[in-house]
């Protein structure tokens, strides 16, 4: 059984694992920002096809974490695959009194930092919103860094949180699902509105390039209360 990080571009995993290996959910994003490396935009689709070939000859059950990779797959592969496995973790919980404005998951990654909304968070700080960070240390004295926490502690914080932010790469990460479970409104860039197909009522779409969005956030905050 292989249940570790399983990106579709890593064809060596699909080629070299023993024939009867049970595969965990396959991951991969379909969004590449303007500043993303060219290799991710042009080489990855080729690697996807190589991996798909090995998946086909394995004749095993194929589970995808989301449906972001559908556009890269053959129709025959799509028919025998299960998508949005991550939604199995959706289960609304009883949330506590909200007291944290934003809880944001931050991970330093050279391929993902170009998609992280640094400027938007800077604007939030200037507007005096209470920002909490989990994951890697976010270098700003006006935020509270919690570091890496176990799932129970993450959920405890989320149960007291109004909003979170997602990057454009994967709108339905496990952290996003945990936000939905705890009635946290997830803020996404306005450019991604057409790509968000599920749980849309839990999302708030804002133009990350603009600074005058405080009223939109406060209106949503009143509705949550």
C-alpha atoms as a PDB file:
ATOM      1  CA  UNK A   1       0.000   0.000   0.000  1.00  0.00           C
ATOM      2  CA  UNK A   2       1.310   3.454  -0.930  1.00  0.00           C
ATOM      3  CA  UNK A   3      -0.309   6.262   1.082  1.00  0.00           C
ATOM      4  CA  UNK A   4       2.420   8.907   1.016  1.00  0.00           C
ATOM      5  CA  UNK A   5       2.422  12.087  -1.122  1.00  0.00           C
ATOM      6  CA  UNK A   6       1.424  10.805  -4.574  1.00  0.00           C
ATOM      7  CA  UNK A   7       1.719  13.474  -7.315  1.00  0.00           C
ATOM      8  CA  UNK A   8       0.663  12.474 -10.821  1.00  0.00           C
ATOM      9  CA  UNK A   9       3.831  13.938 -12.363  1.00  0.00           C
ATOM     10  CA  UNK A  10       6.088  11.416 -10.561  1.00  0.00           C
ATOM     11  CA  UNK A  11       5.763   8.588 -13.098  1.00  0.00           C
ATOM     12  CA  UNK A  12       8.591   6.629 -11.444  1.00  0.00           C
ATOM     13  CA  UNK A  13       6.329   5.829  -8.489  1.00  0.00           C
ATOM     14  CA  UNK A  14       3.640   4.394 -10.759  1.00  0.00           C
ATOM     15  CA  UNK A  15       6.230   2.548 -12.865  1.00  0.00           C
ATOM     16  CA  UNK A  16       8.314   0.961 -10.098  1.00  0.00           C
ATOM     17  CA  UNK A  17       5.864   0.069  -7.317  1.00  0.00           C
ATOM     18  CA  UNK A  18       5.000  -3.656  -7.075  1.00  0.00           C
ATOM     19  CA  UNK A  19       2.088  -4.612  -9.395  1.00  0.00           C
ATOM     20  CA  UNK A  20      -0.466  -5.264  -6.642  1.00  0.00           C
ATOM     21  CA  UNK A  21       0.282  -2.104  -4.655  1.00  0.00           C
ATOM     22  CA  UNK A  22      -2.816  -0.281  -3.424  1.00  0.00           C
ATOM     23  CA  UNK A  23      -2.488   3.411  -4.255  1.00  0.00           C
ATOM     24  CA  UNK A  24      -3.645   6.281  -2.073  1.00  0.00           C
ATOM     25  CA  UNK A  25      -5.342   9.399  -3.523  1.00  0.00           C
ATOM     26  CA  UNK A  26      -3.382  10.939  -6.404  1.00  0.00           C
ATOM     27  CA  UNK A  27      -2.668  14.649  -6.093  1.00  0.00           C
ATOM     28  CA  UNK A  28      -1.828  17.456  -8.487  1.00  0.00           C
ATOM     29  CA  UNK A  29      -2.820  21.012  -9.262  1.00  0.00           C
ATOM     30  CA  UNK A  30      -3.960  22.329 -12.611  1.00  0.00           C
ATOM     31  CA  UNK A  31      -3.167  25.991 -11.989  1.00  0.00           C
ATOM     32  CA  UNK A  32       0.177  27.513 -12.918  1.00  0.00           C
ATOM     33  CA  UNK A  33       0.702  31.190 -12.092  1.00  0.00           C
ATOM     34  CA  UNK A  34       2.466  33.655 -14.352  1.00  0.00           C
ATOM     35  CA  UNK A  35       5.687  33.307 -12.393  1.00  0.00           C
ATOM     36  CA  UNK A  36       5.636  29.523 -12.182  1.00  0.00           C
ATOM     37  CA  UNK A  37       8.544  27.629 -13.643  1.00  0.00           C
ATOM     38  CA  UNK A  38       8.141  26.690 -17.318  1.00  0.00           C
ATOM     39  CA  UNK A  39       8.878  23.068 -16.450  1.00  0.00           C
ATOM     40  CA  UNK A  40       5.643  22.915 -14.447  1.00  0.00           C
ATOM     41  CA  UNK A  41       3.615  24.355 -17.298  1.00  0.00           C
ATOM     42  CA  UNK A  42       5.019  22.397 -20.241  1.00  0.00           C
ATOM     43  CA  UNK A  43       6.812  19.335 -18.868  1.00  0.00           C
ATOM     44  CA  UNK A  44       4.291  18.308 -16.214  1.00  0.00           C
ATOM     45  CA  UNK A  45       1.485  17.529 -18.715  1.00  0.00           C
ATOM     46  CA  UNK A  46       3.878  15.140 -20.502  1.00  0.00           C
ATOM     47  CA  UNK A  47       4.772  13.452 -17.205  1.00  0.00           C
ATOM     48  CA  UNK A  48       1.054  13.180 -16.400  1.00  0.00           C
ATOM     49  CA  UNK A  49       0.523  11.148 -19.576  1.00  0.00           C
ATOM     50  CA  UNK A  50       3.422   8.818 -18.781  1.00  0.00           C
ATOM     51  CA  UNK A  51       1.979   8.201 -15.314  1.00  0.00           C
ATOM     52  CA  UNK A  52      -1.471   7.666 -16.781  1.00  0.00           C
ATOM     53  CA  UNK A  53      -0.054   4.955 -19.059  1.00  0.00           C
ATOM     54  CA  UNK A  54       1.270   3.020 -16.055  1.00  0.00           C
ATOM     55  CA  UNK A  55      -2.016   3.522 -14.196  1.00  0.00           C
ATOM     56  CA  UNK A  56      -3.912   2.025 -17.130  1.00  0.00           C
ATOM     57  CA  UNK A  57      -1.759  -1.106 -17.366  1.00  0.00           C
ATOM     58  CA  UNK A  58      -1.916  -1.589 -13.581  1.00  0.00           C
ATOM     59  CA  UNK A  59      -5.701  -2.025 -13.790  1.00  0.00           C
ATOM     60  CA  UNK A  60      -6.059  -0.799 -10.230  1.00  0.00           C
ATOM     61  CA  UNK A  61      -8.645   1.469  -8.624  1.00  0.00           C
ATOM     62  CA  UNK A  62      -7.737   5.103  -9.278  1.00  0.00           C
ATOM     63  CA  UNK A  63      -8.630   7.736  -6.692  1.00  0.00           C
ATOM     64  CA  UNK A  64      -7.833  11.411  -7.196  1.00  0.00           C
ATOM     65  CA  UNK A  65      -7.744  13.816  -4.264  1.00  0.00           C
ATOM     66  CA  UNK A  66      -9.599  16.483  -6.318  1.00  0.00           C
ATOM     67  CA  UNK A  67     -10.830  16.824  -9.897  1.00  0.00           C
ATOM     68  CA  UNK A  68      -8.200  19.413 -10.888  1.00  0.00           C
ATOM     69  CA  UNK A  69      -6.415  16.966 -13.184  1.00  0.00           C
ATOM     70  CA  UNK A  70      -9.455  15.867 -15.208  1.00  0.00           C
ATOM     71  CA  UNK A  71      -8.449  18.049 -18.136  1.00  0.00           C
ATOM     72  CA  UNK A  72      -5.200  16.100 -18.544  1.00  0.00           C
ATOM     73  CA  UNK A  73      -6.731  12.610 -18.566  1.00  0.00           C
ATOM     74  CA  UNK A  74      -8.163  10.378 -21.276  1.00  0.00           C
ATOM     75  CA  UNK A  75     -11.952  10.002 -21.190  1.00  0.00           C
ATOM     76  CA  UNK A  76     -11.521   6.266 -20.600  1.00  0.00           C
ATOM     77  CA  UNK A  77      -9.397   6.990 -17.515  1.00  0.00           C
ATOM     78  CA  UNK A  78     -11.945   9.487 -16.212  1.00  0.00           C
ATOM     79  CA  UNK A  79     -14.748   6.914 -16.479  1.00  0.00           C
ATOM     80  CA  UNK A  80     -12.995   4.407 -14.226  1.00  0.00           C
ATOM     81  CA  UNK A  81     -11.623   6.927 -11.724  1.00  0.00           C
ATOM     82  CA  UNK A  82     -12.992   8.396  -8.506  1.00  0.00           C
ATOM     83  CA  UNK A  83     -12.501  12.123  -7.958  1.00  0.00           C
ATOM     84  CA  UNK A  84     -12.633  14.499  -4.980  1.00  0.00           C
ATOM     85  CA  UNK A  85     -11.598  11.871  -2.456  1.00  0.00           C
ATOM     86  CA  UNK A  86     -10.750  14.753  -0.120  1.00  0.00           C
ATOM     87  CA  UNK A  87     -14.482  15.454   0.329  1.00  0.00           C
ATOM     88  CA  UNK A  88     -14.744  12.304   2.426  1.00  0.00           C
ATOM     89  CA  UNK A  89     -13.284  14.445   5.224  1.00  0.00           C
ATOM     90  CA  UNK A  90     -16.128  16.949   5.044  1.00  0.00           C
ATOM     91  CA  UNK A  91     -18.091  16.742   8.267  1.00  0.00           C
ATOM     92  CA  UNK A  92     -19.477  19.848   9.910  1.00  0.00           C
ATOM     93  CA  UNK A  93     -18.566  20.297  13.556  1.00  0.00           C
ATOM     94  CA  UNK A  94     -19.957  22.425  16.358  1.00  0.00           C
ATOM     95  CA  UNK A  95     -17.878  25.570  16.381  1.00  0.00           C
ATOM     96  CA  UNK A  96     -17.058  27.817  19.323  1.00  0.00           C
ATOM     97  CA  UNK A  97     -17.362  31.553  19.759  1.00  0.00           C
ATOM     98  CA  UNK A  98     -15.387  33.237  17.014  1.00  0.00           C
ATOM     99  CA  UNK A  99     -12.472  35.372  18.180  1.00  0.00           C
ATOM    100  CA  UNK A 100      -9.754  34.953  15.517  1.00  0.00           C
ATOM    101  CA  UNK A 101     -10.212  36.984  12.334  1.00  0.00           C
ATOM    102  CA  UNK A 102      -7.898  34.922  10.127  1.00  0.00           C
ATOM    103  CA  UNK A 103      -6.127  31.597  10.533  1.00  0.00           C
ATOM    104  CA  UNK A 104      -3.816  30.975   7.583  1.00  0.00           C
ATOM    105  CA  UNK A 105      -1.763  27.918   6.681  1.00  0.00           C
ATOM    106  CA  UNK A 106       1.666  29.008   5.430  1.00  0.00           C
ATOM    107  CA  UNK A 107       4.239  26.667   3.955  1.00  0.00           C
ATOM    108  CA  UNK A 108       7.560  27.770   2.470  1.00  0.00           C
ATOM    109  CA  UNK A 109       7.833  26.071  -0.906  1.00  0.00           C
ATOM    110  CA  UNK A 110       9.764  27.455  -3.878  1.00  0.00           C
ATOM    111  CA  UNK A 111       7.095  26.320  -6.338  1.00  0.00           C
ATOM    112  CA  UNK A 112       4.150  27.650  -4.317  1.00  0.00           C
ATOM    113  CA  UNK A 113       5.321  30.927  -2.795  1.00  0.00           C
ATOM    114  CA  UNK A 114       4.499  32.789  -6.023  1.00  0.00           C
ATOM    115  CA  UNK A 115       0.859  31.769  -5.468  1.00  0.00           C
ATOM    116  CA  UNK A 116       0.742  32.795  -1.809  1.00  0.00           C
ATOM    117  CA  UNK A 117      -1.124  36.123  -1.301  1.00  0.00           C
ATOM    118  CA  UNK A 118       1.581  38.022   0.628  1.00  0.00           C
ATOM    119  CA  UNK A 119       0.341  41.472  -0.479  1.00  0.00           C
ATOM    120  CA  UNK A 120      -3.242  40.643   0.507  1.00  0.00           C
ATOM    121  CA  UNK A 121      -2.152  39.541   3.995  1.00  0.00           C
ATOM    122  CA  UNK A 122      -0.105  42.735   4.336  1.00  0.00           C
ATOM    123  CA  UNK A 123      -3.282  44.712   3.582  1.00  0.00           C
ATOM    124  CA  UNK A 124      -5.186  42.724   6.217  1.00  0.00           C
ATOM    125  CA  UNK A 125      -2.536  43.586   8.805  1.00  0.00           C
ATOM    126  CA  UNK A 126      -2.767  47.274   7.892  1.00  0.00           C
ATOM    127  CA  UNK A 127      -6.539  47.065   8.435  1.00  0.00           C
ATOM    128  CA  UNK A 128      -5.918  45.715  11.967  1.00  0.00           C
ATOM    129  CA  UNK A 129      -7.364  42.249  11.450  1.00  0.00           C
ATOM    130  CA  UNK A 130      -6.136  39.596  13.912  1.00  0.00           C
ATOM    131  CA  UNK A 131      -3.949  37.241  11.871  1.00  0.00           C
ATOM    132  CA  UNK A 132      -2.829  33.817  13.125  1.00  0.00           C
ATOM    133  CA  UNK A 133      -0.441  31.598  11.164  1.00  0.00           C
ATOM    134  CA  UNK A 134       0.059  27.830  11.327  1.00  0.00           C
ATOM    135  CA  UNK A 135       2.861  25.971   9.581  1.00  0.00           C
ATOM    136  CA  UNK A 136       6.139  27.719   8.768  1.00  0.00           C
ATOM    137  CA  UNK A 137       7.095  30.939  10.516  1.00  0.00           C
ATOM    138  CA  UNK A 138       5.639  34.022   8.845  1.00  0.00           C
ATOM    139  CA  UNK A 139       8.090  36.876   9.348  1.00  0.00           C
ATOM    140  CA  UNK A 140       5.923  39.712  10.599  1.00  0.00           C
ATOM    141  CA  UNK A 141       5.640  40.944  14.178  1.00  0.00           C
ATOM    142  CA  UNK A 142       1.935  41.756  13.696  1.00  0.00           C
ATOM    143  CA  UNK A 143       0.860  38.136  13.274  1.00  0.00           C
ATOM    144  CA  UNK A 144       0.793  35.271  15.765  1.00  0.00           C
ATOM    145  CA  UNK A 145       2.760  32.222  14.652  1.00  0.00           C
ATOM    146  CA  UNK A 146       1.644  28.868  16.104  1.00  0.00           C
ATOM    147  CA  UNK A 147       4.081  26.667  14.189  1.00  0.00           C
ATOM    148  CA  UNK A 148       3.138  23.137  13.141  1.00  0.00           C
ATOM    149  CA  UNK A 149       0.261  21.716  15.207  1.00  0.00           C
ATOM    150  CA  UNK A 150      -1.512  18.379  15.365  1.00  0.00           C
ATOM    151  CA  UNK A 151      -4.974  18.042  13.824  1.00  0.00           C
ATOM    152  CA  UNK A 152      -6.857  18.458  17.111  1.00  0.00           C
ATOM    153  CA  UNK A 153      -5.140  21.768  17.872  1.00  0.00           C
ATOM    154  CA  UNK A 154      -5.702  22.990  14.315  1.00  0.00           C
ATOM    155  CA  UNK A 155      -9.412  22.253  14.599  1.00  0.00           C
ATOM    156  CA  UNK A 156      -9.599  23.946  17.981  1.00  0.00           C
ATOM    157  CA  UNK A 157      -8.201  27.139  16.446  1.00  0.00           C
ATOM    158  CA  UNK A 158     -10.402  26.873  13.355  1.00  0.00           C
ATOM    159  CA  UNK A 159     -13.514  26.483  15.506  1.00  0.00           C
ATOM    160  CA  UNK A 160     -12.788  29.990  16.838  1.00  0.00           C
ATOM    161  CA  UNK A 161     -11.894  31.509  13.448  1.00  0.00           C
ATOM    162  CA  UNK A 162     -13.927  33.644  11.043  1.00  0.00           C
ATOM    163  CA  UNK A 163     -11.846  33.486   7.860  1.00  0.00           C
ATOM    164  CA  UNK A 164      -8.975  31.778   6.098  1.00  0.00           C
ATOM    165  CA  UNK A 165      -7.245  32.259   2.738  1.00  0.00           C
ATOM    166  CA  UNK A 166      -6.347  29.770   0.026  1.00  0.00           C
ATOM    167  CA  UNK A 167      -3.805  30.038  -2.773  1.00  0.00           C
ATOM    168  CA  UNK A 168      -4.822  29.564  -6.392  1.00  0.00           C
ATOM    169  CA  UNK A 169      -3.131  26.192  -6.815  1.00  0.00           C
ATOM    170  CA  UNK A 170      -5.500  23.872  -4.947  1.00  0.00           C
ATOM    171  CA  UNK A 171      -8.764  25.319  -3.591  1.00  0.00           C
ATOM    172  CA  UNK A 172      -9.772  21.995  -1.984  1.00  0.00           C
ATOM    173  CA  UNK A 173      -6.789  21.065   0.135  1.00  0.00           C
ATOM    174  CA  UNK A 174      -7.245  19.160   3.399  1.00  0.00           C
ATOM    175  CA  UNK A 175      -6.824  22.453   5.252  1.00  0.00           C
ATOM    176  CA  UNK A 176      -9.669  23.966   3.208  1.00  0.00           C
ATOM    177  CA  UNK A 177     -11.920  21.025   4.090  1.00  0.00           C
ATOM    178  CA  UNK A 178     -11.075  21.518   7.774  1.00  0.00           C
ATOM    179  CA  UNK A 179     -12.079  25.178   7.370  1.00  0.00           C
ATOM    180  CA  UNK A 180     -15.441  24.167   5.895  1.00  0.00           C
ATOM    181  CA  UNK A 181     -15.956  21.681   8.723  1.00  0.00           C
ATOM    182  CA  UNK A 182     -15.540  24.496  11.251  1.00  0.00           C
ATOM    183  CA  UNK A 183     -17.749  27.064   9.491  1.00  0.00           C
ATOM    184  CA  UNK A 184     -14.743  29.160   8.454  1.00  0.00           C
ATOM    185  CA  UNK A 185     -15.314  31.372   5.417  1.00  0.00           C
ATOM    186  CA  UNK A 186     -12.579  30.725   2.863  1.00  0.00           C
ATOM    187  CA  UNK A 187     -11.371  33.770   0.918  1.00  0.00           C
ATOM    188  CA  UNK A 188     -10.154  33.237  -2.633  1.00  0.00           C
ATOM    189  CA  UNK A 189      -9.002  35.592  -5.346  1.00  0.00           C
ATOM    190  CA  UNK A 190     -11.812  36.848  -7.596  1.00  0.00           C
ATOM    191  CA  UNK A 191     -10.033  35.360 -10.634  1.00  0.00           C
ATOM    192  CA  UNK A 192     -10.733  31.863  -9.272  1.00  0.00           C
ATOM    193  CA  UNK A 193     -14.504  32.271  -8.851  1.00  0.00           C
ATOM    194  CA  UNK A 194     -15.437  30.222 -11.944  1.00  0.00           C
ATOM    195  CA  UNK A 195     -13.124  27.389 -10.865  1.00  0.00           C
ATOM    196  CA  UNK A 196     -14.770  26.945  -7.448  1.00  0.00           C
ATOM    197  CA  UNK A 197     -17.580  24.467  -8.101  1.00  0.00           C
ATOM    198  CA  UNK A 198     -18.259  22.953  -4.670  1.00  0.00           C
ATOM    199  CA  UNK A 199     -19.299  24.489  -1.313  1.00  0.00           C
ATOM    200  CA  UNK A 200     -19.444  27.879  -3.005  1.00  0.00           C
ATOM    201  CA  UNK A 201     -21.536  29.441  -0.238  1.00  0.00           C
ATOM    202  CA  UNK A 202     -18.562  28.973   2.113  1.00  0.00           C
ATOM    203  CA  UNK A 203     -16.296  31.091  -0.110  1.00  0.00           C
ATOM    204  CA  UNK A 204     -15.804  34.840  -0.331  1.00  0.00           C
ATOM    205  CA  UNK A 205     -14.210  36.121  -3.540  1.00  0.00           C
ATOM    206  CA  UNK A 206     -12.144  39.300  -3.377  1.00  0.00           C
ATOM    207  CA  UNK A 207      -9.738  41.044  -5.720  1.00  0.00           C
ATOM    208  CA  UNK A 208      -6.404  40.492  -3.964  1.00  0.00           C
ATOM    209  CA  UNK A 209      -4.892  43.425  -5.870  1.00  0.00           C
ATOM    210  CA  UNK A 210      -7.275  45.944  -4.313  1.00  0.00           C
ATOM    211  CA  UNK A 211      -7.055  47.406  -0.819  1.00  0.00           C
ATOM    212  CA  UNK A 212     -10.637  48.481  -0.243  1.00  0.00           C
ATOM    213  CA  UNK A 213     -12.243  45.226   0.802  1.00  0.00           C
ATOM    214  CA  UNK A 214     -12.777  45.704   4.551  1.00  0.00           C
ATOM    215  CA  UNK A 215     -16.530  46.285   4.159  1.00  0.00           C
ATOM    216  CA  UNK A 216     -16.945  42.995   2.276  1.00  0.00           C
ATOM    217  CA  UNK A 217     -15.209  41.093   5.076  1.00  0.00           C
ATOM    218  CA  UNK A 218     -17.105  42.826   7.860  1.00  0.00           C
ATOM    219  CA  UNK A 219     -20.466  42.121   6.158  1.00  0.00           C
ATOM    220  CA  UNK A 220     -19.650  38.436   5.988  1.00  0.00           C
ATOM    221  CA  UNK A 221     -18.494  38.515   9.607  1.00  0.00           C
ATOM    222  CA  UNK A 222     -21.907  39.850  10.712  1.00  0.00           C
ATOM    223  CA  UNK A 223     -23.666  37.021   8.834  1.00  0.00           C
ATOM    224  CA  UNK A 224     -21.490  34.412  10.623  1.00  0.00           C
ATOM    225  CA  UNK A 225     -22.390  35.914  13.976  1.00  0.00           C
END
